[in-house]
Amino acid sequence: MAHSIKVGIIGGTGMDNPDILKNRSDKEVTTPFGSPSDKLVLGEICGVPCVLLSRHGRNHNILPHQVNYRANIWALKQEGCTQIIISTATGSLREDYKPGDLVILDNFIDNTHGRHQTFYDGTCKEFEGICHIPMEPPYCDKLRNVIIKTANNMDIPYHPSGTIIAVNGPRFSSKAESLMFRQWGVDVISMTTCPEVVLAKEAGISYAGIALITDYDCWKPDAEHVSHELVLKIFKENIEKVVKLICATVENMKKEDWSEKIKENKEFVKNSIWK
């Protein structure tokens, strides 16, 4: 039911289009973990309350390893978000996953370091205990299925599954690293998936990711190697696909009953905390 959900949307360039949200307003918030990347943008999509957050800030001035992921996720939690849909620019590690394609993520490998992976690390009195959160499945199956069903009815190139590897950045991979990740069976690569997906799980929020492929990283000899300019060019040319898919997904979400899933998420977190 529409009234029982609130959808958080995390993205970057293109996701702050003022036409996406109706009745929009900005809200500056803080959390027990500091301030999120930017002000929250509150509004509606097809009557569903939504909260938009720019992962790197509206000026894109926050590096991937410097994003305050805990504050971002908890800010959406504080606003009452029950689901989060994210977009991320990615490089492809497969021949058949082409630039301009979308990927509905279903698993991940974390190759980052030095990032806060949990709310329960003893730094905040509000979060007592230790959380051993199970991560399979990392992305909400119910939410993924709605996105896939929505994509099936749209004229967009997409893949219904994909494993993403998160690297620390801000540099891109070496060719040896890129080839190694291919051997691991990874489909796409980015710098922001982790710990975002882990923290959403800890927060008890259904989370799903839509990856937009912008390049072939640097493993493919007959393709242009990844660069900042290439990523921005392909991203800007294709971001409208992501925006349309997210908006159509939110419209379809209100046709579903989410009450059991929301309850299940809360119990899942509760049972994962040791005090």
C-alpha atoms as a PDB file:
ATOM      1  CA  MET A   1       0.000   0.000   0.000  1.00  0.00           C
ATOM      2  CA  ALA A   2       1.293   3.475  -0.885  1.00  0.00           C
ATOM      3  CA  HIS A   3       0.597   4.930   2.529  1.00  0.00           C
ATOM      4  CA  SER A   4       2.695   2.286   4.274  1.00  0.00           C
ATOM      5  CA  ILE A   5       5.951   2.925   2.430  1.00  0.00           C
ATOM      6  CA  LYS A   6       8.431   5.736   1.988  1.00  0.00           C
ATOM      7  CA  VAL A   7      11.159   5.300  -0.610  1.00  0.00           C
ATOM      8  CA  GLY A   8      14.682   6.612  -0.235  1.00  0.00           C
ATOM      9  CA  ILE A   9      16.560   7.240  -3.479  1.00  0.00           C
ATOM     10  CA  ILE A  10      20.343   7.584  -3.473  1.00  0.00           C
ATOM     11  CA  GLY A  11      22.098   8.686  -6.614  1.00  0.00           C
ATOM     12  CA  GLY A  12      24.294  11.268  -8.218  1.00  0.00           C
ATOM     13  CA  THR A  13      24.233  13.461 -11.297  1.00  0.00           C
ATOM     14  CA  GLY A  14      20.840  13.439 -13.004  1.00  0.00           C
ATOM     15  CA  MET A  15      18.927  12.111 -10.021  1.00  0.00           C
ATOM     16  CA  ASP A  16      18.292  15.640  -8.728  1.00  0.00           C
ATOM     17  CA  ASN A  17      16.094  16.548 -11.662  1.00  0.00           C
ATOM     18  CA  PRO A  18      13.361  18.779 -10.172  1.00  0.00           C
ATOM     19  CA  ASP A  19      10.771  17.020 -12.341  1.00  0.00           C
ATOM     20  CA  ILE A  20      11.307  13.695 -10.525  1.00  0.00           C
ATOM     21  CA  LEU A  21       9.641  14.689  -7.257  1.00  0.00           C
ATOM     22  CA  LYS A  22       6.354  16.537  -6.862  1.00  0.00           C
ATOM     23  CA  ASN A  23       5.760  18.895  -3.917  1.00  0.00           C
ATOM     24  CA  ARG A  24       9.496  18.867  -3.222  1.00  0.00           C
ATOM     25  CA  SER A  25      11.211  20.578  -0.332  1.00  0.00           C
ATOM     26  CA  ASP A  26      14.721  20.544   1.110  1.00  0.00           C
ATOM     27  CA  LYS A  27      15.434  19.424   4.647  1.00  0.00           C
ATOM     28  CA  GLU A  28      18.752  19.741   6.456  1.00  0.00           C
ATOM     29  CA  VAL A  29      19.256  16.957   9.003  1.00  0.00           C
ATOM     30  CA  THR A  30      21.912  15.481  11.240  1.00  0.00           C
ATOM     31  CA  THR A  31      22.327  11.988  12.650  1.00  0.00           C
ATOM     32  CA  PRO A  32      24.186  10.300  15.517  1.00  0.00           C
ATOM     33  CA  PHE A  33      26.937   9.712  12.931  1.00  0.00           C
ATOM     34  CA  GLY A  34      27.163  13.279  11.670  1.00  0.00           C
ATOM     35  CA  SER A  35      25.661  14.960   8.646  1.00  0.00           C
ATOM     36  CA  PRO A  36      24.702  13.160   5.433  1.00  0.00           C
ATOM     37  CA  SER A  37      26.245  14.098   2.104  1.00  0.00           C
ATOM     38  CA  ASP A  38      23.688  16.838   1.453  1.00  0.00           C
ATOM     39  CA  LYS A  39      20.257  18.091   2.342  1.00  0.00           C
ATOM     40  CA  LEU A  40      17.451  15.615   1.910  1.00  0.00           C
ATOM     41  CA  VAL A  41      14.935  16.377  -0.818  1.00  0.00           C
ATOM     42  CA  LEU A  42      11.433  15.372   0.233  1.00  0.00           C
ATOM     43  CA  GLY A  43       8.589  14.903  -2.213  1.00  0.00           C
ATOM     44  CA  GLU A  44       6.365  12.391  -3.993  1.00  0.00           C
ATOM     45  CA  ILE A  45       6.457  10.117  -7.012  1.00  0.00           C
ATOM     46  CA  CYS A  46       2.991   9.008  -8.147  1.00  0.00           C
ATOM     47  CA  GLY A  47       1.657   9.759  -4.678  1.00  0.00           C
ATOM     48  CA  VAL A  48       4.358   7.748  -2.878  1.00  0.00           C
ATOM     49  CA  PRO A  49       6.430   9.760  -0.377  1.00  0.00           C
ATOM     50  CA  CYS A  50      10.100   9.725  -1.371  1.00  0.00           C
ATOM     51  CA  VAL A  51      13.374  11.097  -0.053  1.00  0.00           C
ATOM     52  CA  LEU A  52      16.166  11.915  -2.473  1.00  0.00           C
ATOM     53  CA  LEU A  53      19.821  12.082  -1.374  1.00  0.00           C
ATOM     54  CA  SER A  54      22.863  12.911  -3.478  1.00  0.00           C
ATOM     55  CA  ARG A  55      25.579  10.423  -2.458  1.00  0.00           C
ATOM     56  CA  HIS A  56      28.517  12.659  -3.374  1.00  0.00           C
ATOM     57  CA  GLY A  57      26.798  15.961  -2.597  1.00  0.00           C
ATOM     58  CA  ARG A  58      25.048  18.118  -5.168  1.00  0.00           C
ATOM     59  CA  ASN A  59      28.387  19.599  -6.227  1.00  0.00           C
ATOM     60  CA  HIS A  60      29.893  16.100  -6.467  1.00  0.00           C
ATOM     61  CA  ASN A  61      32.687  17.132  -4.108  1.00  0.00           C
ATOM     62  CA  ILE A  62      32.777  14.070  -1.803  1.00  0.00           C
ATOM     63  CA  LEU A  63      35.130  11.267  -2.831  1.00  0.00           C
ATOM     64  CA  PRO A  64      33.824   7.668  -2.673  1.00  0.00           C
ATOM     65  CA  HIS A  65      35.963   6.727   0.348  1.00  0.00           C
ATOM     66  CA  GLN A  66      34.980   9.957   2.125  1.00  0.00           C
ATOM     67  CA  VAL A  67      31.203   9.524   1.885  1.00  0.00           C
ATOM     68  CA  ASN A  68      29.603   9.332   5.331  1.00  0.00           C
ATOM     69  CA  TYR A  69      27.646   6.190   4.486  1.00  0.00           C
ATOM     70  CA  ARG A  70      26.391   5.706   8.037  1.00  0.00           C
ATOM     71  CA  ALA A  71      24.955   9.215   8.163  1.00  0.00           C
ATOM     72  CA  ASN A  72      23.364   8.813   4.723  1.00  0.00           C
ATOM     73  CA  ILE A  73      21.598   5.561   5.535  1.00  0.00           C
ATOM     74  CA  TRP A  74      20.562   6.654   9.014  1.00  0.00           C
ATOM     75  CA  ALA A  75      19.230   9.973   7.725  1.00  0.00           C
ATOM     76  CA  LEU A  76      16.883   8.026   5.448  1.00  0.00           C
ATOM     77  CA  LYS A  77      16.003   5.738   8.356  1.00  0.00           C
ATOM     78  CA  GLN A  78      15.156   8.762  10.522  1.00  0.00           C
ATOM     79  CA  GLU A  79      12.883  10.084   7.789  1.00  0.00           C
ATOM     80  CA  GLY A  80      10.956   6.817   7.882  1.00  0.00           C
ATOM     81  CA  CYS A  81      12.173   5.264   4.650  1.00  0.00           C
ATOM     82  CA  THR A  82      11.154   1.620   4.366  1.00  0.00           C
ATOM     83  CA  GLN A  83      12.891   0.960   1.031  1.00  0.00           C
ATOM     84  CA  ILE A  84      15.981   2.380  -0.647  1.00  0.00           C
ATOM     85  CA  ILE A  85      16.682   2.309  -4.371  1.00  0.00           C
ATOM     86  CA  ILE A  86      20.141   3.409  -5.458  1.00  0.00           C
ATOM     87  CA  SER A  87      21.833   4.133  -8.744  1.00  0.00           C
ATOM     88  CA  THR A  88      25.546   3.776  -9.355  1.00  0.00           C
ATOM     89  CA  ALA A  89      27.858   4.214 -12.329  1.00  0.00           C
ATOM     90  CA  THR A  90      29.816   1.034 -13.013  1.00  0.00           C
ATOM     91  CA  GLY A  91      32.415  -0.472 -15.271  1.00  0.00           C
ATOM     92  CA  SER A  92      31.647  -3.758 -17.016  1.00  0.00           C
ATOM     93  CA  LEU A  93      33.804  -6.836 -16.536  1.00  0.00           C
ATOM     94  CA  ARG A  94      31.851  -8.879 -19.099  1.00  0.00           C
ATOM     95  CA  GLU A  95      31.705  -8.676 -22.876  1.00  0.00           C
ATOM     96  CA  ASP A  96      27.897  -8.949 -22.949  1.00  0.00           C
ATOM     97  CA  TYR A  97      27.319  -6.291 -20.279  1.00  0.00           C
ATOM     98  CA  LYS A  98      27.666  -3.231 -22.503  1.00  0.00           C
ATOM     99  CA  PRO A  99      28.000   0.512 -21.825  1.00  0.00           C
ATOM    100  CA  GLY A 100      24.513   1.986 -21.575  1.00  0.00           C
ATOM    101  CA  ASP A 101      23.039  -1.233 -20.148  1.00  0.00           C
ATOM    102  CA  LEU A 102      21.431  -1.341 -16.715  1.00  0.00           C
ATOM    103  CA  VAL A 103      22.076  -4.107 -14.193  1.00  0.00           C
ATOM    104  CA  ILE A 104      19.727  -5.033 -11.341  1.00  0.00           C
ATOM    105  CA  LEU A 105      22.309  -6.052  -8.750  1.00  0.00           C
ATOM    106  CA  ASP A 106      21.891  -9.245  -6.740  1.00  0.00           C
ATOM    107  CA  ASN A 107      25.268  -9.746  -5.021  1.00  0.00           C
ATOM    108  CA  PHE A 108      28.512  -7.991  -4.138  1.00  0.00           C
ATOM    109  CA  ILE A 109      32.169  -8.351  -3.206  1.00  0.00           C
ATOM    110  CA  ASP A 110      33.659  -5.771  -0.869  1.00  0.00           C
ATOM    111  CA  ASN A 111      37.208  -4.762  -1.807  1.00  0.00           C
ATOM    112  CA  THR A 112      37.199  -1.483   0.125  1.00  0.00           C
ATOM    113  CA  HIS A 113      39.104  -0.677   3.284  1.00  0.00           C
ATOM    114  CA  GLY A 114      38.868   1.818   6.142  1.00  0.00           C
ATOM    115  CA  ARG A 115      35.126   2.418   5.822  1.00  0.00           C
ATOM    116  CA  HIS A 116      32.684   2.136   8.726  1.00  0.00           C
ATOM    117  CA  GLN A 117      30.818  -1.135   8.124  1.00  0.00           C
ATOM    118  CA  THR A 118      28.432  -1.061  11.088  1.00  0.00           C
ATOM    119  CA  PHE A 119      26.381   1.237  13.293  1.00  0.00           C
ATOM    120  CA  TYR A 120      27.261  -0.989  16.258  1.00  0.00           C
ATOM    121  CA  ASP A 121      30.958  -0.284  16.779  1.00  0.00           C
ATOM    122  CA  GLY A 122      30.732   1.320  20.220  1.00  0.00           C
ATOM    123  CA  THR A 123      31.109   4.893  18.995  1.00  0.00           C
ATOM    124  CA  CYS A 124      27.462   5.811  19.586  1.00  0.00           C
ATOM    125  CA  LYS A 125      25.602   5.122  22.832  1.00  0.00           C
ATOM    126  CA  GLU A 126      22.307   4.768  20.992  1.00  0.00           C
ATOM    127  CA  PHE A 127      23.567   1.597  19.332  1.00  0.00           C
ATOM    128  CA  GLU A 128      24.421  -0.914  22.042  1.00  0.00           C
ATOM    129  CA  GLY A 129      25.739  -4.375  21.374  1.00  0.00           C
ATOM    130  CA  ILE A 130      27.321  -6.037  18.365  1.00  0.00           C
ATOM    131  CA  CYS A 131      25.453  -6.681  15.148  1.00  0.00           C
ATOM    132  CA  HIS A 132      26.352  -9.835  13.238  1.00  0.00           C
ATOM    133  CA  ILE A 133      24.107  -9.206  10.268  1.00  0.00           C
ATOM    134  CA  PRO A 134      23.668 -12.050   7.739  1.00  0.00           C
ATOM    135  CA  MET A 135      24.233 -10.686   4.229  1.00  0.00           C
ATOM    136  CA  GLU A 136      22.535 -13.261   2.035  1.00  0.00           C
ATOM    137  CA  PRO A 137      20.597 -12.082   0.181  1.00  0.00           C
ATOM    138  CA  PRO A 138      22.244  -8.638   0.259  1.00  0.00           C
ATOM    139  CA  TYR A 139      19.613  -7.018  -1.946  1.00  0.00           C
ATOM    140  CA  CYS A 140      15.912  -7.258  -1.156  1.00  0.00           C
ATOM    141  CA  ASP A 141      14.356  -9.929  -3.398  1.00  0.00           C
ATOM    142  CA  LYS A 142      10.886  -8.402  -3.203  1.00  0.00           C
ATOM    143  CA  LEU A 143      12.115  -4.965  -4.237  1.00  0.00           C
ATOM    144  CA  ARG A 144      14.369  -6.416  -6.955  1.00  0.00           C
ATOM    145  CA  ASN A 145      11.424  -8.327  -8.398  1.00  0.00           C
ATOM    146  CA  VAL A 146       9.363  -5.152  -8.679  1.00  0.00           C
ATOM    147  CA  ILE A 147      12.235  -3.424 -10.477  1.00  0.00           C
ATOM    148  CA  ILE A 148      12.678  -6.384 -12.855  1.00  0.00           C
ATOM    149  CA  LYS A 149       8.957  -6.600 -13.634  1.00  0.00           C
ATOM    150  CA  THR A 150       8.961  -2.861 -14.286  1.00  0.00           C
ATOM    151  CA  ALA A 151      12.004  -3.079 -16.567  1.00  0.00           C
ATOM    152  CA  ASN A 152      10.375  -5.916 -18.514  1.00  0.00           C
ATOM    153  CA  ASN A 153       7.667  -3.494 -19.610  1.00  0.00           C
ATOM    154  CA  MET A 154      10.109  -0.793 -20.701  1.00  0.00           C
ATOM    155  CA  ASP A 155      12.230  -0.506 -23.823  1.00  0.00           C
ATOM    156  CA  ILE A 156      15.590  -0.444 -22.051  1.00  0.00           C
ATOM    157  CA  PRO A 157      18.606  -2.767 -22.227  1.00  0.00           C
ATOM    158  CA  TYR A 158      19.046  -4.388 -18.830  1.00  0.00           C
ATOM    159  CA  HIS A 159      20.318  -7.486 -17.045  1.00  0.00           C
ATOM    160  CA  PRO A 160      18.202  -8.975 -14.224  1.00  0.00           C
ATOM    161  CA  SER A 161      21.208  -9.981 -12.136  1.00  0.00           C
ATOM    162  CA  GLY A 162      24.810  -9.053 -11.535  1.00  0.00           C
ATOM    163  CA  THR A 163      27.567  -9.237  -8.945  1.00  0.00           C
ATOM    164  CA  ILE A 164      29.278  -5.934  -8.232  1.00  0.00           C
ATOM    165  CA  ILE A 165      32.682  -5.408  -6.658  1.00  0.00           C
ATOM    166  CA  ALA A 166      33.269  -2.255  -4.637  1.00  0.00           C
ATOM    167  CA  VAL A 167      36.782  -0.827  -4.767  1.00  0.00           C
ATOM    168  CA  ASN A 168      38.054   1.973  -2.595  1.00  0.00           C
ATOM    169  CA  GLY A 169      38.895   4.571  -5.226  1.00  0.00           C
ATOM    170  CA  PRO A 170      39.182   7.322  -6.093  1.00  0.00           C
ATOM    171  CA  ARG A 171      41.580   5.755  -8.608  1.00  0.00           C
ATOM    172  CA  PHE A 172      40.413   3.299 -11.223  1.00  0.00           C
ATOM    173  CA  SER A 173      41.725  -0.272 -11.417  1.00  0.00           C
ATOM    174  CA  SER A 174      44.981  -1.424 -12.928  1.00  0.00           C
ATOM    175  CA  LYS A 175      44.672  -3.860 -15.828  1.00  0.00           C
ATOM    176  CA  ALA A 176      45.951  -6.683 -13.600  1.00  0.00           C
ATOM    177  CA  GLU A 177      43.256  -5.914 -11.012  1.00  0.00           C
ATOM    178  CA  SER A 178      40.586  -5.708 -13.691  1.00  0.00           C
ATOM    179  CA  LEU A 179      41.589  -9.107 -15.101  1.00  0.00           C
ATOM    180  CA  MET A 180      41.674 -10.585 -11.588  1.00  0.00           C
ATOM    181  CA  PHE A 181      38.148  -9.373 -10.850  1.00  0.00           C
ATOM    182  CA  ARG A 182      36.997 -11.027 -14.086  1.00  0.00           C
ATOM    183  CA  GLN A 183      38.487 -14.297 -12.873  1.00  0.00           C
ATOM    184  CA  TRP A 184      36.512 -13.895  -9.660  1.00  0.00           C
ATOM    185  CA  GLY A 185      33.301 -13.941 -11.688  1.00  0.00           C
ATOM    186  CA  VAL A 186      32.432 -10.292 -11.057  1.00  0.00           C
ATOM    187  CA  ASP A 187      30.082  -8.585 -13.518  1.00  0.00           C
ATOM    188  CA  VAL A 188      30.480  -4.862 -12.757  1.00  0.00           C
ATOM    189  CA  ILE A 189      32.717  -2.616 -10.661  1.00  0.00           C
ATOM    190  CA  SER A 190      32.096   0.603  -8.716  1.00  0.00           C
ATOM    191  CA  MET A 191      33.357   2.547  -5.705  1.00  0.00           C
ATOM    192  CA  THR A 192      30.202   3.110  -3.651  1.00  0.00           C
ATOM    193  CA  THR A 193      28.255  -0.120  -3.142  1.00  0.00           C
ATOM    194  CA  CYS A 194      29.952  -0.897   0.171  1.00  0.00           C
ATOM    195  CA  PRO A 195      29.265  -0.316   2.945  1.00  0.00           C
ATOM    196  CA  GLU A 196      25.978   1.197   1.759  1.00  0.00           C
ATOM    197  CA  VAL A 197      24.321  -2.179   1.156  1.00  0.00           C
ATOM    198  CA  VAL A 198      25.550  -3.521   4.517  1.00  0.00           C
ATOM    199  CA  LEU A 199      24.325  -0.515   6.495  1.00  0.00           C
ATOM    200  CA  ALA A 200      20.906  -0.619   4.854  1.00  0.00           C
ATOM    201  CA  LYS A 201      20.635  -4.243   5.973  1.00  0.00           C
ATOM    202  CA  GLU A 202      21.572  -3.245   9.536  1.00  0.00           C
ATOM    203  CA  ALA A 203      19.013  -0.438   9.440  1.00  0.00           C
ATOM    204  CA  GLY A 204      16.264  -2.875   8.485  1.00  0.00           C
ATOM    205  CA  ILE A 205      15.553  -1.214   5.149  1.00  0.00           C
ATOM    206  CA  SER A 206      14.858  -3.095   1.927  1.00  0.00           C
ATOM    207  CA  TYR A 207      17.640  -2.074  -0.467  1.00  0.00           C
ATOM    208  CA  ALA A 208      18.079  -2.549  -4.210  1.00  0.00           C
ATOM    209  CA  GLY A 209      20.653  -1.255  -6.660  1.00  0.00           C
ATOM    210  CA  ILE A 210      20.488  -0.264 -10.317  1.00  0.00           C
ATOM    211  CA  ALA A 211      23.904  -0.106 -11.945  1.00  0.00           C
ATOM    212  CA  LEU A 212      24.442   1.936 -15.100  1.00  0.00           C
ATOM    213  CA  ILE A 213      27.372   0.629 -17.138  1.00  0.00           C
ATOM    214  CA  THR A 214      29.574   3.424 -18.460  1.00  0.00           C
ATOM    215  CA  ASP A 215      32.703   1.591 -19.664  1.00  0.00           C
ATOM    216  CA  TYR A 216      34.637  -1.682 -19.860  1.00  0.00           C
ATOM    217  CA  ASP A 217      37.045  -0.735 -17.051  1.00  0.00           C
ATOM    218  CA  CYS A 218      40.523  -1.355 -18.549  1.00  0.00           C
ATOM    219  CA  TRP A 219      40.566  -5.079 -19.329  1.00  0.00           C
ATOM    220  CA  LYS A 220      39.154  -4.973 -22.876  1.00  0.00           C
ATOM    221  CA  PRO A 221      41.877  -4.276 -25.452  1.00  0.00           C
ATOM    222  CA  ASP A 222      39.536  -3.021 -28.208  1.00  0.00           C
ATOM    223  CA  ALA A 223      37.529  -0.646 -25.998  1.00  0.00           C
ATOM    224  CA  GLU A 224      38.308   2.805 -24.636  1.00  0.00           C
ATOM    225  CA  HIS A 225      39.738   2.468 -21.154  1.00  0.00           C
ATOM    226  CA  VAL A 226      37.841   3.964 -18.234  1.00  0.00           C
ATOM    227  CA  SER A 227      38.419   7.633 -17.470  1.00  0.00           C
ATOM    228  CA  HIS A 228      36.542  10.323 -15.584  1.00  0.00           C
ATOM    229  CA  GLU A 229      35.554  11.976 -18.868  1.00  0.00           C
ATOM    230  CA  LEU A 230      34.230   8.724 -20.338  1.00  0.00           C
ATOM    231  CA  VAL A 231      32.209   7.874 -17.242  1.00  0.00           C
ATOM    232  CA  LEU A 232      30.546  11.304 -17.181  1.00  0.00           C
ATOM    233  CA  LYS A 233      29.823  11.233 -20.914  1.00  0.00           C
ATOM    234  CA  ILE A 234      28.116   7.822 -20.931  1.00  0.00           C
ATOM    235  CA  PHE A 235      26.383   8.487 -17.610  1.00  0.00           C
ATOM    236  CA  LYS A 236      24.829  11.741 -18.825  1.00  0.00           C
ATOM    237  CA  GLU A 237      23.730  10.100 -22.073  1.00  0.00           C
ATOM    238  CA  ASN A 238      21.952   7.261 -20.249  1.00  0.00           C
ATOM    239  CA  ILE A 239      20.845   8.568 -16.844  1.00  0.00           C
ATOM    240  CA  GLU A 240      17.322   9.160 -18.153  1.00  0.00           C
ATOM    241  CA  LYS A 241      16.886   5.360 -18.376  1.00  0.00           C
ATOM    242  CA  VAL A 242      17.651   5.056 -14.663  1.00  0.00           C
ATOM    243  CA  VAL A 243      15.344   7.918 -13.734  1.00  0.00           C
ATOM    244  CA  LYS A 244      12.446   6.472 -15.739  1.00  0.00           C
ATOM    245  CA  LEU A 245      12.980   2.989 -14.288  1.00  0.00           C
ATOM    246  CA  ILE A 246      13.066   4.261 -10.702  1.00  0.00           C
ATOM    247  CA  CYS A 247       9.966   6.419 -11.146  1.00  0.00           C
ATOM    248  CA  ALA A 248       8.031   3.580 -12.793  1.00  0.00           C
ATOM    249  CA  THR A 249       9.206   1.176 -10.081  1.00  0.00           C
ATOM    250  CA  VAL A 250       7.962   3.469  -7.317  1.00  0.00           C
ATOM    251  CA  GLU A 251       4.588   3.668  -9.054  1.00  0.00           C
ATOM    252  CA  ASN A 252       4.422  -0.133  -9.152  1.00  0.00           C
ATOM    253  CA  MET A 253       5.573  -0.459  -5.540  1.00  0.00           C
ATOM    254  CA  LYS A 254       2.357   1.090  -4.296  1.00  0.00           C
ATOM    255  CA  LYS A 255       0.458  -1.835  -5.793  1.00  0.00           C
ATOM    256  CA  GLU A 256       2.247  -4.233  -3.432  1.00  0.00           C
ATOM    257  CA  ASP A 257       1.591  -4.996   0.237  1.00  0.00           C
ATOM    258  CA  TRP A 258       4.869  -4.317   2.067  1.00  0.00           C
ATOM    259  CA  SER A 259       3.647  -4.786   5.635  1.00  0.00           C
ATOM    260  CA  GLU A 260       5.091  -8.292   6.092  1.00  0.00           C
ATOM    261  CA  LYS A 261       8.420  -7.368   4.510  1.00  0.00           C
ATOM    262  CA  ILE A 262       8.799  -4.320   6.726  1.00  0.00           C
ATOM    263  CA  LYS A 263       8.013  -6.413   9.803  1.00  0.00           C
ATOM    264  CA  GLU A 264      10.432  -9.126   8.652  1.00  0.00           C
ATOM    265  CA  ASN A 265      13.244  -6.575   8.213  1.00  0.00           C
ATOM    266  CA  LYS A 266      12.788  -5.255  11.745  1.00  0.00           C
ATOM    267  CA  GLU A 267      12.826  -8.738  13.268  1.00  0.00           C
ATOM    268  CA  PHE A 268      15.863  -9.654  11.185  1.00  0.00           C
ATOM    269  CA  VAL A 269      17.893  -6.793  12.666  1.00  0.00           C
ATOM    270  CA  LYS A 270      16.626  -7.412  16.187  1.00  0.00           C
ATOM    271  CA  ASN A 271      17.722 -11.050  16.042  1.00  0.00           C
ATOM    272  CA  SER A 272      21.181 -10.099  14.750  1.00  0.00           C
ATOM    273  CA  ILE A 273      22.190  -7.882  17.685  1.00  0.00           C
ATOM    274  CA  TRP A 274      24.086  -9.316  20.630  1.00  0.00           C
ATOM    275  CA  LYS A 275      23.953  -7.310  23.871  1.00  0.00           C
END
